[in-house]
Amino acid sequence: MRVVSVLPSATEIVAALGRLPDLVGRSEECDFPPEVRSLPVVMRARTRDSERSSAEIDRRVQAARGTDASLYEIDVAALRELDPDVLLTQDLCGVCSVTDREMAAACRSAGVSPTIVSVAPRALGEVWESIETIGHAIGAESAAGSLAADLRRRTVAPRTPPEARPRVAVVEWLDPPILAGLWTPDLVEAAGGAPVGPSRGEVGERTSWARIRNADLDLLVISPCSFSVERTRRELEDPSLVRQVRAACGAQGIVLADEAYFSRPGPRLADGVELLRHAVHGSLGSLPMPAEYLLRGAATEAT
């Protein structure tokens, strides 16, 4: 079977199901596991943003969406050459990837007719269901069922009384700050916390650092979409921005985390729950993931 994935989380799912040899093409943003980086790229961003600030990126994205312009381009010639049997995409966020409608149009142009599997999970349970959907599409039903069951076990929420749950906010963009929604409230609850921001299944909430500061947080997690910890740290070299972020520090501090553990709806969301569980209890320990404290302790230490 020949599989093309233009969704980083779907690429991770294919690998986790032991079907990496079937993967023949990817999007430029499909970078995990590292072995996939040698595969042909069939989709890439129209604009290089690696050196732009969060505010600049946000302005460009909002302008593009205002004109209904796609943020990505599809290599129709590469798609024709790869001639996939299955194409994995999404129809949830036009900022994160091309939509299934764009991929269907590209396939028609390329003269190929793969089975297009589009996933659009909005809650953590739906993420685990999407693993089973992809597993069925690529002939890995048994492995998908086992993986999904294991991930469900790992992310069962503790029976903590509401008044004992620390208030946790996860920020998925820095400037302007956006409080993460969709499956993120489920991650916080699975870690024993009380999510601050959108309700489960709702999209991220654009807000301000002043409002976050006034939210009486216990823990602030900063995990901008598409950013590594190193990239986030570079962004926070801006004195004005880091001053606002530090002022929002909760009693248990501020954690910087790789986006893969919060923004990508795949197996590593379970690792995100583990990270939150450790952080909520005051120590990251030696977690097998890129994460670090920006600040520890009470908000008064941040001023």
Foldseek 3Di string as FASTA:
>chain_A
DAEEEAAQQLQVLCVLLVNNVNYAEYACLNCPPVVCNPHHHFKYFPDDCLPPALQVVVVVVVVCVVVPHQRMDGNLQVCLVSQGQEYEEEQADSVRGHHPVVVVVSCVVSVHDHHYDYAHAQALLSLLVVSCVSCVRVVSNPSSVVLSVVLCVLQAFDPDPQVPAFEEWEWQTQVQTWTAERHQCSLSRSLRHGYDADYHRDGIHRDHLVVLLVPQGAEYEYEHPPDALVSVVVSCVPPVRVLSVLLSAHQAAYKYFYNCCPPRSHSNVSVVSVQSNQSSVRHSPDRPGDMDTPDGGHSVVSD
